[in-house]
Amino acid sequence: FDHDLLVYASYALIVLAWVWINKTEPGLRMRSVGERPEAAFARGVNVNRTRYLYTALGGALVGMAGAAYSLSVKLGWSHRHTAGMGWIALAIVIFGGWSPLRVALGAYMFGALQSLGSILQPLYPNVPTQIFQTAPFALMIITLLLVNRDMTRLQSILPARLRPLAASLMRSAPPAGLGKRFEGG
């Protein structure tokens, strides 16, 4: 237990986000606004207010993550302090198929790859440090390409009873209403 308190808080936040999104009425409203805003509006949900609320909440969480990064990971502040981590975060969300559990898995996988570079560098001193620094980014791009490919061939080799589970785990489509303006009342 020698990590920053926010690491342990992130574990709880992952579970809470999954429960909120999948097991509560406000989470269902949030998902409906993302998938079918017209249907949510027909059910009495204020679509634009819900979108703004969750966008603000997401921004607050990203702000806390940035503060934690500056206070715990890379102390202080400098030009290009985050070095493209925001783009990696976006890629991880896509990789995770907009699911909190899969996004967390992708984020921890990326973090492990970055840590692995620090561990391997002393073992292989003849390999340029830039290779170890950029490898997690390249591996994330490769992973995204593999995840977003047509998965029917992969699913076809699985037993029939596992195919629906595999299809749901491999889903990487964004919410249907993402980026679409809603003009309802």
Foldseek 3Di string as FASTA:
>chain_A
DPADPVVVVVVVVLVVVQCQLPPDPLNVLLLCLLAPVVVSVVVPDPSVVSVVVVVVVVVVVVVVVVVCCCVGPPDDDDVCRVVCVVVVLVLLCLLQLVRSVSSVVSVVVLVVQLVVLVVCCVVCVVDDSVCSNCVSVVVSVVSSVVLPPDCPVVLVVDPPVCSVVVCVRSNRDGHNCPPPDDDDD
